[in-house]
Amino acid sequence: MKSTTRTVSSNKQVALVAHDHCKSELLRWVKEHKDALAHHKLFATGTTGNILSRETGLAITSLMSGPMGGDQQLGAMICEKKIDVLVFFWDPLCAVPHDPDVKALLRIATVWNIPVAINRASANYLITSPMMMNEIDIEVPDYDKYLSERL
């Protein structure tokens, strides 16, 4: 598929997700980077969003819980260009019943070329990057062109 350019605003739309065993680690990370995150629009899957909002006071739009469809909601939002960055603290040592949804979310983030942090180290790199505070251009699939060639 051909690609096109998408301009991502300096005020990013950031998704925050964590598996159960990683929620406390994500909470600690969010508290450490609260000032930087406050400049962006935040989304999270249900339980994680409620914990983060309550503990930090940040405005966070909570979706459904991951196993109840929240991962799929985030995937749809990525396709609709409503999520620019994904911070997903996942637990590689613990199987989850909604693993296919998790894989689908990570796949769609890759398809739409959005930055993904999967642990504290990569999240630190991402949040401190100058690109987080600047407008940037990214390459994304040119779905409109794809459709026009098929009709």
C-alpha atoms as a PDB file:
ATOM      1  CA  MET A   1       0.000   0.000   0.000  1.00  0.00           C
ATOM      2  CA  LYS A   2       1.201   3.493  -0.771  1.00  0.00           C
ATOM      3  CA  SER A   3       1.733   5.932   2.063  1.00  0.00           C
ATOM      4  CA  THR A   4       0.886   9.538   2.737  1.00  0.00           C
ATOM      5  CA  THR A   5       1.877  12.045   5.356  1.00  0.00           C
ATOM      6  CA  ARG A   6      -0.140  12.811   8.463  1.00  0.00           C
ATOM      7  CA  THR A   7       0.656  15.829  10.601  1.00  0.00           C
ATOM      8  CA  VAL A   8       0.480  15.102  14.323  1.00  0.00           C
ATOM      9  CA  SER A   9      -0.193  18.112  16.545  1.00  0.00           C
ATOM     10  CA  SER A  10       2.145  19.212  19.326  1.00  0.00           C
ATOM     11  CA  ASN A  11      -0.701  18.294  21.700  1.00  0.00           C
ATOM     12  CA  LYS A  12      -0.710  14.526  21.296  1.00  0.00           C
ATOM     13  CA  GLN A  13      -3.532  12.111  21.964  1.00  0.00           C
ATOM     14  CA  VAL A  14      -1.898   9.563  24.262  1.00  0.00           C
ATOM     15  CA  ALA A  15      -3.281   6.138  25.170  1.00  0.00           C
ATOM     16  CA  LEU A  16      -2.217   4.643  28.511  1.00  0.00           C
ATOM     17  CA  VAL A  17      -2.684   0.907  29.049  1.00  0.00           C
ATOM     18  CA  ALA A  18      -1.316  -1.572  31.590  1.00  0.00           C
ATOM     19  CA  HIS A  19      -1.871  -5.213  32.378  1.00  0.00           C
ATOM     20  CA  ASP A  20      -2.894  -5.929  35.972  1.00  0.00           C
ATOM     21  CA  HIS A  21       0.623  -6.728  37.204  1.00  0.00           C
ATOM     22  CA  CYS A  22       1.939  -3.516  35.587  1.00  0.00           C
ATOM     23  CA  LYS A  23      -0.674  -0.986  36.722  1.00  0.00           C
ATOM     24  CA  SER A  24       1.355   0.173  39.722  1.00  0.00           C
ATOM     25  CA  GLU A  25       4.425   0.643  37.509  1.00  0.00           C
ATOM     26  CA  LEU A  26       2.435   2.700  34.985  1.00  0.00           C
ATOM     27  CA  LEU A  27       0.960   4.766  37.835  1.00  0.00           C
ATOM     28  CA  ARG A  28       4.467   5.485  39.136  1.00  0.00           C
ATOM     29  CA  TRP A  29       5.588   6.484  35.630  1.00  0.00           C
ATOM     30  CA  VAL A  30       2.580   8.751  35.084  1.00  0.00           C
ATOM     31  CA  LYS A  31       3.196  10.471  38.431  1.00  0.00           C
ATOM     32  CA  GLU A  32       6.843  11.045  37.464  1.00  0.00           C
ATOM     33  CA  HIS A  33       5.819  12.578  34.121  1.00  0.00           C
ATOM     34  CA  LYS A  34       2.581  14.241  35.182  1.00  0.00           C
ATOM     35  CA  ASP A  35       3.632  17.726  34.069  1.00  0.00           C
ATOM     36  CA  ALA A  36       4.610  16.529  30.581  1.00  0.00           C
ATOM     37  CA  LEU A  37       1.467  14.404  30.209  1.00  0.00           C
ATOM     38  CA  ALA A  38      -0.780  17.294  31.263  1.00  0.00           C
ATOM     39  CA  HIS A  39      -0.049  18.969  27.889  1.00  0.00           C
ATOM     40  CA  HIS A  40      -1.673  16.103  26.017  1.00  0.00           C
ATOM     41  CA  LYS A  41      -5.128  14.543  25.725  1.00  0.00           C
ATOM     42  CA  LEU A  42      -5.081  11.269  27.641  1.00  0.00           C
ATOM     43  CA  PHE A  43      -7.065   8.091  27.068  1.00  0.00           C
ATOM     44  CA  ALA A  44      -6.874   4.786  28.911  1.00  0.00           C
ATOM     45  CA  THR A  45      -8.589   1.462  29.128  1.00  0.00           C
ATOM     46  CA  GLY A  46     -11.158   1.288  31.933  1.00  0.00           C
ATOM     47  CA  THR A  47      -9.519   0.119  35.135  1.00  0.00           C
ATOM     48  CA  THR A  48      -6.188   1.730  34.318  1.00  0.00           C
ATOM     49  CA  GLY A  49      -7.840   5.047  33.440  1.00  0.00           C
ATOM     50  CA  ASN A  50      -9.842   5.137  36.650  1.00  0.00           C
ATOM     51  CA  ILE A  51      -6.763   4.418  38.783  1.00  0.00           C
ATOM     52  CA  LEU A  52      -4.591   6.979  36.983  1.00  0.00           C
ATOM     53  CA  SER A  53      -7.237   9.691  37.098  1.00  0.00           C
ATOM     54  CA  ARG A  54      -7.989   9.137  40.779  1.00  0.00           C
ATOM     55  CA  GLU A  55      -4.342   8.985  41.851  1.00  0.00           C
ATOM     56  CA  THR A  56      -2.951  11.824  39.689  1.00  0.00           C
ATOM     57  CA  GLY A  57      -5.847  14.224  39.122  1.00  0.00           C
ATOM     58  CA  LEU A  58      -5.121  14.201  35.378  1.00  0.00           C
ATOM     59  CA  ALA A  59      -8.052  14.415  32.980  1.00  0.00           C
ATOM     60  CA  ILE A  60      -8.212  10.966  31.393  1.00  0.00           C
ATOM     61  CA  THR A  61     -10.943   9.634  29.137  1.00  0.00           C
ATOM     62  CA  SER A  62     -11.564   6.049  30.254  1.00  0.00           C
ATOM     63  CA  LEU A  63     -12.739   3.512  27.709  1.00  0.00           C
ATOM     64  CA  MET A  64     -13.925  -0.015  28.403  1.00  0.00           C
ATOM     65  CA  SER A  65     -11.685  -2.375  30.341  1.00  0.00           C
ATOM     66  CA  GLY A  66      -9.218  -4.143  28.029  1.00  0.00           C
ATOM     67  CA  PRO A  67     -10.830  -7.609  28.285  1.00  0.00           C
ATOM     68  CA  MET A  68     -14.271  -6.045  27.759  1.00  0.00           C
ATOM     69  CA  GLY A  69     -13.276  -4.388  24.453  1.00  0.00           C
ATOM     70  CA  GLY A  70     -11.104  -1.444  25.509  1.00  0.00           C
ATOM     71  CA  ASP A  71      -8.099  -2.676  23.524  1.00  0.00           C
ATOM     72  CA  GLN A  72     -10.283  -2.879  20.438  1.00  0.00           C
ATOM     73  CA  GLN A  73     -11.673   0.603  21.117  1.00  0.00           C
ATOM     74  CA  LEU A  74      -8.138   1.978  21.181  1.00  0.00           C
ATOM     75  CA  GLY A  75      -7.319   0.138  17.964  1.00  0.00           C
ATOM     76  CA  ALA A  76     -10.316   1.738  16.261  1.00  0.00           C
ATOM     77  CA  MET A  77      -9.253   5.154  17.564  1.00  0.00           C
ATOM     78  CA  ILE A  78      -5.771   4.633  16.095  1.00  0.00           C
ATOM     79  CA  CYS A  79      -7.339   3.852  12.699  1.00  0.00           C
ATOM     80  CA  GLU A  80      -9.454   7.004  13.010  1.00  0.00           C
ATOM     81  CA  LYS A  81      -6.329   9.092  13.803  1.00  0.00           C
ATOM     82  CA  LYS A  82      -7.613   9.804  17.318  1.00  0.00           C
ATOM     83  CA  ILE A  83      -4.565   8.287  19.073  1.00  0.00           C
ATOM     84  CA  ASP A  84      -1.042   9.504  18.331  1.00  0.00           C
ATOM     85  CA  VAL A  85       1.024   7.647  20.951  1.00  0.00           C
ATOM     86  CA  LEU A  86       0.514   4.353  22.798  1.00  0.00           C
ATOM     87  CA  VAL A  87       2.100   3.660  26.192  1.00  0.00           C
ATOM     88  CA  PHE A  88       1.317   0.034  27.009  1.00  0.00           C
ATOM     89  CA  PHE A  89       2.995  -1.539  30.016  1.00  0.00           C
ATOM     90  CA  TRP A  90       2.311  -5.185  29.276  1.00  0.00           C
ATOM     91  CA  ASP A  91       3.320  -8.192  31.279  1.00  0.00           C
ATOM     92  CA  PRO A  92       5.291 -10.619  29.086  1.00  0.00           C
ATOM     93  CA  LEU A  93       5.344 -13.227  31.870  1.00  0.00           C
ATOM     94  CA  CYS A  94       1.597 -13.500  32.406  1.00  0.00           C
ATOM     95  CA  ALA A  95      -0.913 -14.819  29.886  1.00  0.00           C
ATOM     96  CA  VAL A  96      -4.107 -12.789  29.598  1.00  0.00           C
ATOM     97  CA  PRO A  97      -7.433 -14.035  28.253  1.00  0.00           C
ATOM     98  CA  HIS A  98      -7.673 -11.140  25.804  1.00  0.00           C
ATOM     99  CA  ASP A  99      -4.213 -11.762  24.286  1.00  0.00           C
ATOM    100  CA  PRO A 100      -5.587 -11.720  20.695  1.00  0.00           C
ATOM    101  CA  ASP A 101      -6.947  -8.218  21.357  1.00  0.00           C
ATOM    102  CA  VAL A 102      -3.576  -7.093  22.731  1.00  0.00           C
ATOM    103  CA  LYS A 103      -1.777  -8.433  19.656  1.00  0.00           C
ATOM    104  CA  ALA A 104      -4.328  -6.752  17.394  1.00  0.00           C
ATOM    105  CA  LEU A 105      -3.808  -3.419  19.189  1.00  0.00           C
ATOM    106  CA  LEU A 106      -0.031  -3.624  18.798  1.00  0.00           C
ATOM    107  CA  ARG A 107      -0.414  -4.665  15.150  1.00  0.00           C
ATOM    108  CA  ILE A 108      -2.714  -1.751  14.311  1.00  0.00           C
ATOM    109  CA  ALA A 109      -0.361   0.684  16.072  1.00  0.00           C
ATOM    110  CA  THR A 110       2.404  -0.622  13.817  1.00  0.00           C
ATOM    111  CA  VAL A 111       0.241  -0.414  10.677  1.00  0.00           C
ATOM    112  CA  TRP A 112      -0.602   3.242  11.408  1.00  0.00           C
ATOM    113  CA  ASN A 113       3.013   4.046  12.388  1.00  0.00           C
ATOM    114  CA  ILE A 114       2.375   5.466  15.856  1.00  0.00           C
ATOM    115  CA  PRO A 115       5.057   5.353  18.541  1.00  0.00           C
ATOM    116  CA  VAL A 116       4.584   2.594  21.103  1.00  0.00           C
ATOM    117  CA  ALA A 117       6.303   2.326  24.484  1.00  0.00           C
ATOM    118  CA  ILE A 118       6.041  -1.088  26.112  1.00  0.00           C
ATOM    119  CA  ASN A 119       8.004  -0.555  29.319  1.00  0.00           C
ATOM    120  CA  ARG A 120       9.496   2.127  31.583  1.00  0.00           C
ATOM    121  CA  ALA A 121      12.668   2.564  29.501  1.00  0.00           C
ATOM    122  CA  SER A 122      10.894   3.046  26.174  1.00  0.00           C
ATOM    123  CA  ALA A 123       8.247   5.254  27.807  1.00  0.00           C
ATOM    124  CA  ASN A 124      11.007   7.464  29.252  1.00  0.00           C
ATOM    125  CA  TYR A 125      12.602   7.807  25.822  1.00  0.00           C
ATOM    126  CA  LEU A 126       9.258   8.678  24.277  1.00  0.00           C
ATOM    127  CA  ILE A 127       8.049  11.238  26.831  1.00  0.00           C
ATOM    128  CA  THR A 128      11.401  13.077  26.860  1.00  0.00           C
ATOM    129  CA  SER A 129      11.754  13.193  23.081  1.00  0.00           C
ATOM    130  CA  PRO A 130      11.467  16.695  21.583  1.00  0.00           C
ATOM    131  CA  MET A 131       8.995  15.164  19.128  1.00  0.00           C
ATOM    132  CA  MET A 132       6.449  14.807  21.952  1.00  0.00           C
ATOM    133  CA  MET A 133       6.145  18.583  22.276  1.00  0.00           C
ATOM    134  CA  ASN A 134       6.419  19.470  18.582  1.00  0.00           C
ATOM    135  CA  GLU A 135       4.191  19.078  15.575  1.00  0.00           C
ATOM    136  CA  ILE A 136       5.565  16.218  13.495  1.00  0.00           C
ATOM    137  CA  ASP A 137       4.831  14.487  10.216  1.00  0.00           C
ATOM    138  CA  ILE A 138       4.541  10.719  10.062  1.00  0.00           C
ATOM    139  CA  GLU A 139       3.964   8.368   7.161  1.00  0.00           C
ATOM    140  CA  VAL A 140       0.723   6.419   7.275  1.00  0.00           C
ATOM    141  CA  PRO A 141      -1.054   4.120   4.824  1.00  0.00           C
ATOM    142  CA  ASP A 142      -2.843   6.075   2.101  1.00  0.00           C
ATOM    143  CA  TYR A 143      -6.143   4.287   2.528  1.00  0.00           C
ATOM    144  CA  ASP A 144      -8.087   6.802   0.405  1.00  0.00           C
ATOM    145  CA  LYS A 145      -5.726   6.202  -2.528  1.00  0.00           C
ATOM    146  CA  TYR A 146      -6.006   2.452  -1.980  1.00  0.00           C
ATOM    147  CA  LEU A 147      -9.816   2.684  -2.180  1.00  0.00           C
ATOM    148  CA  SER A 148      -9.802   4.915  -5.252  1.00  0.00           C
ATOM    149  CA  GLU A 149      -7.611   2.414  -7.122  1.00  0.00           C
ATOM    150  CA  ARG A 150      -9.966  -0.456  -6.250  1.00  0.00           C
ATOM    151  CA  LEU A 151     -13.204   1.161  -7.456  1.00  0.00           C
END
